[in-house]
Amino acid sequence: MTQPNETPSGPVEDNASDRKKRAERAATRSVPDVRRGDDAVTRVVKLRTAHGTRTVETAVSPLATDTATVDLARRREGIEPSEFRTGEVVA
């Protein structure tokens, strides 16, 4: 008897937090780190955390989406996902 060639689609107990973490990782994987790149553009990002609001400038690819820009700014500022509330690209 041969084994089926099926693989499990994922853990049975897949929750929203796990899906959010995977989406965050996927969003930043597709955007290269261009802090020193010639084609980098500077964006002003407002980050709201559990401890207040920060407005930061970050260099990103001109092709980066707003979601990826906010996530990169959050990571560069060292804000943990558990502390992060929302973010938006201001300019």
PDB file of N, CA and C in Angstrom:
ATOM      1  N   MET A   1       0.846  -1.171   0.000  1.00  0.00           N
ATOM      2  CA  MET A   1       0.000   0.000   0.000  1.00  0.00           C
ATOM      3  C   MET A   1       0.896   1.239   0.000  1.00  0.00           C
ATOM      4  N   THR A   2       0.604   2.209  -0.863  1.00  0.00           N
ATOM      5  CA  THR A   2       1.433   3.406  -0.977  1.00  0.00           C
ATOM      6  C   THR A   2       0.847   4.539  -0.156  1.00  0.00           C
ATOM      7  N   GLN A   3       1.712   5.444   0.260  1.00  0.00           N
ATOM      8  CA  GLN A   3       1.285   6.604   1.027  1.00  0.00           C
ATOM      9  C   GLN A   3       0.689   7.646   0.085  1.00  0.00           C
ATOM     10  N   PRO A   4      -0.355   8.331   0.478  1.00  0.00           N
ATOM     11  CA  PRO A   4      -0.909   9.404  -0.362  1.00  0.00           C
ATOM     12  C   PRO A   4       0.084  10.565  -0.445  1.00  0.00           C
ATOM     13  N   ASN A   5       0.055  11.298  -1.550  1.00  0.00           N
ATOM     14  CA  ASN A   5       0.954  12.426  -1.760  1.00  0.00           C
ATOM     15  C   ASN A   5       0.371  13.727  -1.261  1.00  0.00           C
ATOM     16  N   GLU A   6      -0.493  13.677  -0.309  1.00  0.00           N
ATOM     17  CA  GLU A   6      -1.118  14.879   0.217  1.00  0.00           C
ATOM     18  C   GLU A   6      -0.289  15.443   1.360  1.00  0.00           C
ATOM     19  N   THR A   7      -0.293  16.740   1.453  1.00  0.00           N
ATOM     20  CA  THR A   7       0.363  17.402   2.580  1.00  0.00           C
ATOM     21  C   THR A   7      -0.694  18.174   3.355  1.00  0.00           C
ATOM     22  N   PRO A   8      -0.508  18.309   4.642  1.00  0.00           N
ATOM     23  CA  PRO A   8      -1.509  19.063   5.400  1.00  0.00           C
ATOM     24  C   PRO A   8      -1.498  20.528   4.985  1.00  0.00           C
ATOM     25  N   SER A   9      -2.648  21.123   4.960  1.00  0.00           N
ATOM     26  CA  SER A   9      -2.764  22.519   4.538  1.00  0.00           C
ATOM     27  C   SER A   9      -2.341  23.495   5.625  1.00  0.00           C
ATOM     28  N   GLY A  10      -2.180  23.046   6.807  1.00  0.00           N
ATOM     29  CA  GLY A  10      -1.771  23.925   7.902  1.00  0.00           C
ATOM     30  C   GLY A  10      -2.281  23.391   9.214  1.00  0.00           C
ATOM     31  N   PRO A  11      -1.929  24.028  10.299  1.00  0.00           N
ATOM     32  CA  PRO A  11      -2.396  23.555  11.596  1.00  0.00           C
ATOM     33  C   PRO A  11      -3.908  23.706  11.724  1.00  0.00           C
ATOM     34  N   VAL A  12      -4.474  22.799  12.457  1.00  0.00           N
ATOM     35  CA  VAL A  12      -5.920  22.820  12.660  1.00  0.00           C
ATOM     36  C   VAL A  12      -6.326  24.057  13.444  1.00  0.00           C
ATOM     37  N   GLU A  13      -5.502  24.455  14.371  1.00  0.00           N
ATOM     38  CA  GLU A  13      -5.808  25.592  15.245  1.00  0.00           C
ATOM     39  C   GLU A  13      -5.238  26.895  14.685  1.00  0.00           C
ATOM     40  N   ASP A  14      -5.477  27.198  13.429  1.00  0.00           N
ATOM     41  CA  ASP A  14      -4.991  28.433  12.803  1.00  0.00           C
ATOM     42  C   ASP A  14      -5.864  29.596  13.279  1.00  0.00           C
ATOM     43  N   ASN A  15      -5.239  30.606  13.875  1.00  0.00           N
ATOM     44  CA  ASN A  15      -6.036  31.721  14.386  1.00  0.00           C
ATOM     45  C   ASN A  15      -5.687  33.018  13.661  1.00  0.00           C
ATOM     46  N   ALA A  16      -6.421  34.061  13.954  1.00  0.00           N
ATOM     47  CA  ALA A  16      -6.245  35.348  13.278  1.00  0.00           C
ATOM     48  C   ALA A  16      -4.876  35.948  13.542  1.00  0.00           C
ATOM     49  N   SER A  17      -4.337  35.755  14.725  1.00  0.00           N
ATOM     50  CA  SER A  17      -3.026  36.298  15.056  1.00  0.00           C
ATOM     51  C   SER A  17      -1.944  35.685  14.171  1.00  0.00           C
ATOM     52  N   ASP A  18      -2.010  34.374  13.956  1.00  0.00           N
ATOM     53  CA  ASP A  18      -1.041  33.707  13.087  1.00  0.00           C
ATOM     54  C   ASP A  18      -1.156  34.209  11.655  1.00  0.00           C
ATOM     55  N   ARG A  19      -2.372  34.396  11.175  1.00  0.00           N
ATOM     56  CA  ARG A  19      -2.575  34.894   9.805  1.00  0.00           C
ATOM     57  C   ARG A  19      -2.022  36.308   9.666  1.00  0.00           C
ATOM     58  N   LYS A  20      -2.199  37.146  10.684  1.00  0.00           N
ATOM     59  CA  LYS A  20      -1.700  38.519  10.647  1.00  0.00           C
ATOM     60  C   LYS A  20      -0.171  38.532  10.599  1.00  0.00           C
ATOM     61  N   LYS A  21       0.462  37.688  11.410  1.00  0.00           N
ATOM     62  CA  LYS A  21       1.919  37.618  11.420  1.00  0.00           C
ATOM     63  C   LYS A  21       2.453  37.166  10.063  1.00  0.00           C
ATOM     64  N   ARG A  22       1.815  36.168   9.454  1.00  0.00           N
ATOM     65  CA  ARG A  22       2.248  35.708   8.136  1.00  0.00           C
ATOM     66  C   ARG A  22       2.072  36.799   7.089  1.00  0.00           C
ATOM     67  N   ALA A  23       0.989  37.570   7.173  1.00  0.00           N
ATOM     68  CA  ALA A  23       0.752  38.652   6.220  1.00  0.00           C
ATOM     69  C   ALA A  23       1.798  39.754   6.378  1.00  0.00           C
ATOM     70  N   GLU A  24       2.180  40.067   7.622  1.00  0.00           N
ATOM     71  CA  GLU A  24       3.218  41.081   7.858  1.00  0.00           C
ATOM     72  C   GLU A  24       4.550  40.643   7.270  1.00  0.00           C
ATOM     73  N   ARG A  25       4.903  39.380   7.469  1.00  0.00           N
ATOM     74  CA  ARG A  25       6.168  38.872   6.923  1.00  0.00           C
ATOM     75  C   ARG A  25       6.140  38.897   5.405  1.00  0.00           C
ATOM     76  N   ALA A  26       5.019  38.514   4.810  1.00  0.00           N
ATOM     77  CA  ALA A  26       4.912  38.492   3.345  1.00  0.00           C
ATOM     78  C   ALA A  26       4.982  39.902   2.770  1.00  0.00           C
ATOM     79  N   ALA A  27       4.408  40.879   3.459  1.00  0.00           N
ATOM     80  CA  ALA A  27       4.407  42.256   2.963  1.00  0.00           C
ATOM     81  C   ALA A  27       5.812  42.836   2.918  1.00  0.00           C
ATOM     82  N   THR A  28       6.631  42.501   3.896  1.00  0.00           N
ATOM     83  CA  THR A  28       7.974  43.078   3.928  1.00  0.00           C
ATOM     84  C   THR A  28       8.968  42.293   3.093  1.00  0.00           C
ATOM     85  N   ARG A  29       8.684  41.034   2.795  1.00  0.00           N
ATOM     86  CA  ARG A  29       9.596  40.251   1.968  1.00  0.00           C
ATOM     87  C   ARG A  29       9.691  40.782   0.555  1.00  0.00           C
ATOM     88  N   SER A  30       8.592  41.308   0.035  1.00  0.00           N
ATOM     89  CA  SER A  30       8.574  41.741  -1.354  1.00  0.00           C
ATOM     90  C   SER A  30       9.167  43.131  -1.554  1.00  0.00           C
ATOM     91  N   VAL A  31       9.435  43.867  -0.490  1.00  0.00           N
ATOM     92  CA  VAL A  31       9.978  45.215  -0.605  1.00  0.00           C
ATOM     93  C   VAL A  31      11.435  45.188  -0.151  1.00  0.00           C
ATOM     94  N   PRO A  32      12.376  45.466  -1.048  1.00  0.00           N
ATOM     95  CA  PRO A  32      13.785  45.425  -0.667  1.00  0.00           C
ATOM     96  C   PRO A  32      14.151  46.568   0.278  1.00  0.00           C
ATOM     97  N   ASP A  33      15.211  46.359   1.033  1.00  0.00           N
ATOM     98  CA  ASP A  33      15.711  47.391   1.935  1.00  0.00           C
ATOM     99  C   ASP A  33      16.508  48.386   1.102  1.00  0.00           C
ATOM    100  N   VAL A  34      15.994  49.605   0.932  1.00  0.00           N
ATOM    101  CA  VAL A  34      16.620  50.588   0.054  1.00  0.00           C
ATOM    102  C   VAL A  34      17.009  51.852   0.815  1.00  0.00           C
ATOM    103  N   ARG A  35      17.431  51.708   2.036  1.00  0.00           N
ATOM    104  CA  ARG A  35      17.799  52.879   2.835  1.00  0.00           C
ATOM    105  C   ARG A  35      18.878  53.703   2.152  1.00  0.00           C
ATOM    106  N   ARG A  36      19.808  53.041   1.457  1.00  0.00           N
ATOM    107  CA  ARG A  36      20.882  53.751   0.787  1.00  0.00           C
ATOM    108  C   ARG A  36      20.746  53.701  -0.728  1.00  0.00           C
ATOM    109  N   GLY A  37      19.661  53.194  -1.228  1.00  0.00           N
ATOM    110  CA  GLY A  37      19.482  53.064  -2.672  1.00  0.00           C
ATOM    111  C   GLY A  37      19.319  54.409  -3.356  1.00  0.00           C
ATOM    112  N   ASP A  38      19.781  54.478  -4.602  1.00  0.00           N
ATOM    113  CA  ASP A  38      19.676  55.718  -5.361  1.00  0.00           C
ATOM    114  C   ASP A  38      18.220  56.099  -5.650  1.00  0.00           C
ATOM    115  N   ASP A  39      17.353  55.094  -5.795  1.00  0.00           N
ATOM    116  CA  ASP A  39      15.969  55.383  -6.146  1.00  0.00           C
ATOM    117  C   ASP A  39      15.039  55.453  -4.930  1.00  0.00           C
ATOM    118  N   ALA A  40      15.599  55.405  -3.725  1.00  0.00           N
ATOM    119  CA  ALA A  40      14.778  55.445  -2.518  1.00  0.00           C
ATOM    120  C   ALA A  40      14.071  56.791  -2.390  1.00  0.00           C
ATOM    121  N   VAL A  41      12.864  56.743  -1.863  1.00  0.00           N
ATOM    122  CA  VAL A  41      12.107  57.958  -1.579  1.00  0.00           C
ATOM    123  C   VAL A  41      11.852  58.011  -0.075  1.00  0.00           C
ATOM    124  N   THR A  42      11.755  59.211   0.464  1.00  0.00           N
ATOM    125  CA  THR A  42      11.510  59.386   1.890  1.00  0.00           C
ATOM    126  C   THR A  42      10.031  59.617   2.118  1.00  0.00           C
ATOM    127  N   ARG A  43       9.465  58.854   3.034  1.00  0.00           N
ATOM    128  CA  ARG A  43       8.050  58.981   3.393  1.00  0.00           C
ATOM    129  C   ARG A  43       7.947  59.346   4.867  1.00  0.00           C
ATOM    130  N   VAL A  44       6.974  60.172   5.201  1.00  0.00           N
ATOM    131  CA  VAL A  44       6.680  60.509   6.592  1.00  0.00           C
ATOM    132  C   VAL A  44       5.544  59.595   7.031  1.00  0.00           C
ATOM    133  N   VAL A  45       5.779  58.880   8.121  1.00  0.00           N
ATOM    134  CA  VAL A  45       4.823  57.887   8.600  1.00  0.00           C
ATOM    135  C   VAL A  45       4.442  58.209  10.036  1.00  0.00           C
ATOM    136  N   LYS A  46       3.140  58.180  10.321  1.00  0.00           N
ATOM    137  CA  LYS A  46       2.648  58.371  11.682  1.00  0.00           C
ATOM    138  C   LYS A  46       2.306  56.992  12.245  1.00  0.00           C
ATOM    139  N   LEU A  47       2.980  56.625  13.339  1.00  0.00           N
ATOM    140  CA  LEU A  47       2.789  55.331  13.982  1.00  0.00           C
ATOM    141  C   LEU A  47       2.098  55.527  15.322  1.00  0.00           C
ATOM    142  N   ARG A  48       0.973  54.861  15.519  1.00  0.00           N
ATOM    143  CA  ARG A  48       0.257  54.940  16.799  1.00  0.00           C
ATOM    144  C   ARG A  48       0.524  53.641  17.560  1.00  0.00           C
ATOM    145  N   THR A  49       1.018  53.792  18.795  1.00  0.00           N
ATOM    146  CA  THR A  49       1.330  52.632  19.619  1.00  0.00           C
ATOM    147  C   THR A  49       0.538  52.698  20.907  1.00  0.00           C
ATOM    148  N   ALA A  50       0.719  51.701  21.727  1.00  0.00           N
ATOM    149  CA  ALA A  50       0.065  51.674  23.035  1.00  0.00           C
ATOM    150  C   ALA A  50       0.605  52.779  23.935  1.00  0.00           C
ATOM    151  N   HIS A  51       1.794  53.315  23.589  1.00  0.00           N
ATOM    152  CA  HIS A  51       2.440  54.329  24.424  1.00  0.00           C
ATOM    153  C   HIS A  51       2.362  55.739  23.847  1.00  0.00           C
ATOM    154  N   GLY A  52       1.700  55.914  22.727  1.00  0.00           N
ATOM    155  CA  GLY A  52       1.593  57.240  22.132  1.00  0.00           C
ATOM    156  C   GLY A  52       1.763  57.204  20.624  1.00  0.00           C
ATOM    157  N   THR A  53       2.010  58.376  20.047  1.00  0.00           N
ATOM    158  CA  THR A  53       2.150  58.508  18.599  1.00  0.00           C
ATOM    159  C   THR A  53       3.555  58.984  18.262  1.00  0.00           C
ATOM    160  N   ARG A  54       4.128  58.397  17.204  1.00  0.00           N
ATOM    161  CA  ARG A  54       5.433  58.824  16.705  1.00  0.00           C
ATOM    162  C   ARG A  54       5.293  59.164  15.234  1.00  0.00           C
ATOM    163  N   THR A  55       5.953  60.213  14.814  1.00  0.00           N
ATOM    164  CA  THR A  55       6.024  60.562  13.398  1.00  0.00           C
ATOM    165  C   THR A  55       7.476  60.413  12.984  1.00  0.00           C
ATOM    166  N   VAL A  56       7.721  59.558  11.998  1.00  0.00           N
ATOM    167  CA  VAL A  56       9.092  59.247  11.589  1.00  0.00           C
ATOM    168  C   VAL A  56       9.221  59.364  10.076  1.00  0.00           C
ATOM    169  N   GLU A  57      10.440  59.615   9.636  1.00  0.00           N
ATOM    170  CA  GLU A  57      10.753  59.590   8.209  1.00  0.00           C
ATOM    171  C   GLU A  57      11.466  58.285   7.932  1.00  0.00           C
ATOM    172  N   THR A  58      11.111  57.645   6.823  1.00  0.00           N
ATOM    173  CA  THR A  58      11.756  56.400   6.446  1.00  0.00           C
ATOM    174  C   THR A  58      11.952  56.349   4.941  1.00  0.00           C
ATOM    175  N   ALA A  59      13.070  55.779   4.523  1.00  0.00           N
ATOM    176  CA  ALA A  59      13.364  55.638   3.097  1.00  0.00           C
ATOM    177  C   ALA A  59      12.860  54.285   2.621  1.00  0.00           C
ATOM    178  N   VAL A  60      12.108  54.305   1.536  1.00  0.00           N
ATOM    179  CA  VAL A  60      11.556  53.070   0.977  1.00  0.00           C
ATOM    180  C   VAL A  60      11.669  53.098  -0.538  1.00  0.00           C
ATOM    181  N   SER A  61      11.392  51.972  -1.131  1.00  0.00           N
ATOM    182  CA  SER A  61      11.347  51.880  -2.585  1.00  0.00           C
ATOM    183  C   SER A  61      10.179  52.716  -3.104  1.00  0.00           C
ATOM    184  N   PRO A  62      10.312  53.327  -4.268  1.00  0.00           N
ATOM    185  CA  PRO A  62       9.178  54.083  -4.812  1.00  0.00           C
ATOM    186  C   PRO A  62       7.985  53.183  -5.148  1.00  0.00           C
ATOM    187  N   LEU A  63       8.210  51.893  -5.208  1.00  0.00           N
ATOM    188  CA  LEU A  63       7.124  50.950  -5.506  1.00  0.00           C
ATOM    189  C   LEU A  63       6.458  50.388  -4.251  1.00  0.00           C
ATOM    190  N   ALA A  64       6.947  50.761  -3.072  1.00  0.00           N
ATOM    191  CA  ALA A  64       6.403  50.228  -1.823  1.00  0.00           C
ATOM    192  C   ALA A  64       4.982  50.721  -1.593  1.00  0.00           C
ATOM    193  N   THR A  65       4.127  49.810  -1.157  1.00  0.00           N
ATOM    194  CA  THR A  65       2.753  50.189  -0.820  1.00  0.00           C
ATOM    195  C   THR A  65       2.753  50.905   0.527  1.00  0.00           C
ATOM    196  N   ASP A  66       1.649  51.571   0.841  1.00  0.00           N
ATOM    197  CA  ASP A  66       1.535  52.249   2.126  1.00  0.00           C
ATOM    198  C   ASP A  66       1.637  51.247   3.281  1.00  0.00           C
ATOM    199  N   THR A  67       1.029  50.077   3.122  1.00  0.00           N
ATOM    200  CA  THR A  67       1.071  49.052   4.164  1.00  0.00           C
ATOM    201  C   THR A  67       2.503  48.608   4.422  1.00  0.00           C
ATOM    202  N   ALA A  68       3.256  48.363   3.356  1.00  0.00           N
ATOM    203  CA  ALA A  68       4.647  47.951   3.508  1.00  0.00           C
ATOM    204  C   ALA A  68       5.484  49.074   4.116  1.00  0.00           C
ATOM    205  N   THR A  69       5.212  50.307   3.736  1.00  0.00           N
ATOM    206  CA  THR A  69       5.945  51.452   4.271  1.00  0.00           C
ATOM    207  C   THR A  69       5.721  51.582   5.777  1.00  0.00           C
ATOM    208  N   VAL A  70       4.474  51.442   6.211  1.00  0.00           N
ATOM    209  CA  VAL A  70       4.159  51.520   7.639  1.00  0.00           C
ATOM    210  C   VAL A  70       4.861  50.386   8.385  1.00  0.00           C
ATOM    211  N   ASP A  71       4.824  49.176   7.834  1.00  0.00           N
ATOM    212  CA  ASP A  71       5.446  48.041   8.499  1.00  0.00           C
ATOM    213  C   ASP A  71       6.965  48.205   8.588  1.00  0.00           C
ATOM    214  N   LEU A  72       7.589  48.687   7.527  1.00  0.00           N
ATOM    215  CA  LEU A  72       9.031  48.923   7.561  1.00  0.00           C
ATOM    216  C   LEU A  72       9.394  49.998   8.590  1.00  0.00           C
ATOM    217  N   ALA A  73       8.600  51.062   8.648  1.00  0.00           N
ATOM    218  CA  ALA A  73       8.853  52.126   9.632  1.00  0.00           C
ATOM    219  C   ALA A  73       8.719  51.576  11.047  1.00  0.00           C
ATOM    220  N   ARG A  74       7.700  50.757  11.276  1.00  0.00           N
ATOM    221  CA  ARG A  74       7.496  50.149  12.598  1.00  0.00           C
ATOM    222  C   ARG A  74       8.692  49.293  12.986  1.00  0.00           C
ATOM    223  N   ARG A  75       9.162  48.465  12.060  1.00  0.00           N
ATOM    224  CA  ARG A  75      10.301  47.592  12.360  1.00  0.00           C
ATOM    225  C   ARG A  75      11.572  48.387  12.600  1.00  0.00           C
ATOM    226  N   ARG A  76      11.805  49.422  11.797  1.00  0.00           N
ATOM    227  CA  ARG A  76      13.014  50.235  11.957  1.00  0.00           C
ATOM    228  C   ARG A  76      13.007  51.017  13.267  1.00  0.00           C
ATOM    229  N   GLU A  77      11.825  51.353  13.759  1.00  0.00           N
ATOM    230  CA  GLU A  77      11.712  52.050  15.040  1.00  0.00           C
ATOM    231  C   GLU A  77      11.742  51.084  16.223  1.00  0.00           C
ATOM    232  N   GLY A  78      11.722  49.803  15.950  1.00  0.00           N
ATOM    233  CA  GLY A  78      11.789  48.807  17.015  1.00  0.00           C
ATOM    234  C   GLY A  78      10.505  48.644  17.800  1.00  0.00           C
ATOM    235  N   ILE A  79       9.382  48.927  17.174  1.00  0.00           N
ATOM    236  CA  ILE A  79       8.084  48.798  17.840  1.00  0.00           C
ATOM    237  C   ILE A  79       7.584  47.364  17.660  1.00  0.00           C
ATOM    238  N   GLU A  80       7.326  46.711  18.765  1.00  0.00           N
ATOM    239  CA  GLU A  80       6.837  45.329  18.729  1.00  0.00           C
ATOM    240  C   GLU A  80       5.401  45.293  18.195  1.00  0.00           C
ATOM    241  N   PRO A  81       5.035  44.219  17.482  1.00  0.00           N
ATOM    242  CA  PRO A  81       3.668  44.110  16.958  1.00  0.00           C
ATOM    243  C   PRO A  81       2.600  44.186  18.044  1.00  0.00           C
ATOM    244  N   SER A  82       2.912  43.698  19.240  1.00  0.00           N
ATOM    245  CA  SER A  82       1.922  43.742  20.328  1.00  0.00           C
ATOM    246  C   SER A  82       1.652  45.172  20.806  1.00  0.00           C
ATOM    247  N   GLU A  83       2.611  46.080  20.640  1.00  0.00           N
ATOM    248  CA  GLU A  83       2.446  47.472  21.050  1.00  0.00           C
ATOM    249  C   GLU A  83       1.852  48.341  19.948  1.00  0.00           C
ATOM    250  N   PHE A  84       1.971  47.886  18.703  1.00  0.00           N
ATOM    251  CA  PHE A  84       1.554  48.662  17.541  1.00  0.00           C
ATOM    252  C   PHE A  84       0.031  48.664  17.405  1.00  0.00           C
ATOM    253  N   ARG A  85      -0.541  49.842  17.141  1.00  0.00           N
ATOM    254  CA  ARG A  85      -1.984  49.954  16.944  1.00  0.00           C
ATOM    255  C   ARG A  85      -2.309  50.200  15.456  1.00  0.00           C
ATOM    256  N   THR A  86      -1.953  51.374  14.933  1.00  0.00           N
ATOM    257  CA  THR A  86      -2.211  51.688  13.524  1.00  0.00           C
ATOM    258  C   THR A  86      -1.086  52.578  13.004  1.00  0.00           C
ATOM    259  N   GLY A  87      -1.071  52.757  11.718  1.00  0.00           N
ATOM    260  CA  GLY A  87      -0.097  53.630  11.100  1.00  0.00           C
ATOM    261  C   GLY A  87      -0.611  54.153   9.777  1.00  0.00           C
ATOM    262  N   GLU A  88      -0.076  55.294   9.372  1.00  0.00           N
ATOM    263  CA  GLU A  88      -0.474  55.842   8.074  1.00  0.00           C
ATOM    264  C   GLU A  88       0.664  56.646   7.478  1.00  0.00           C
ATOM    265  N   VAL A  89       0.733  56.649   6.153  1.00  0.00           N
ATOM    266  CA  VAL A  89       1.708  57.452   5.447  1.00  0.00           C
ATOM    267  C   VAL A  89       1.134  58.850   5.322  1.00  0.00           C
ATOM    268  N   VAL A  90       1.839  59.839   5.884  1.00  0.00           N
ATOM    269  CA  VAL A  90       1.360  61.217   5.897  1.00  0.00           C
ATOM    270  C   VAL A  90       1.824  61.951   4.663  1.00  0.00           C
ATOM    271  N   ALA A  91       3.070  61.776   4.296  1.00  0.00           N
ATOM    272  CA  ALA A  91       3.618  62.444   3.108  1.00  0.00           C
ATOM    273  C   ALA A  91       4.722  61.619   2.504  1.00  0.00           C
TER     274      ALA A  91
END
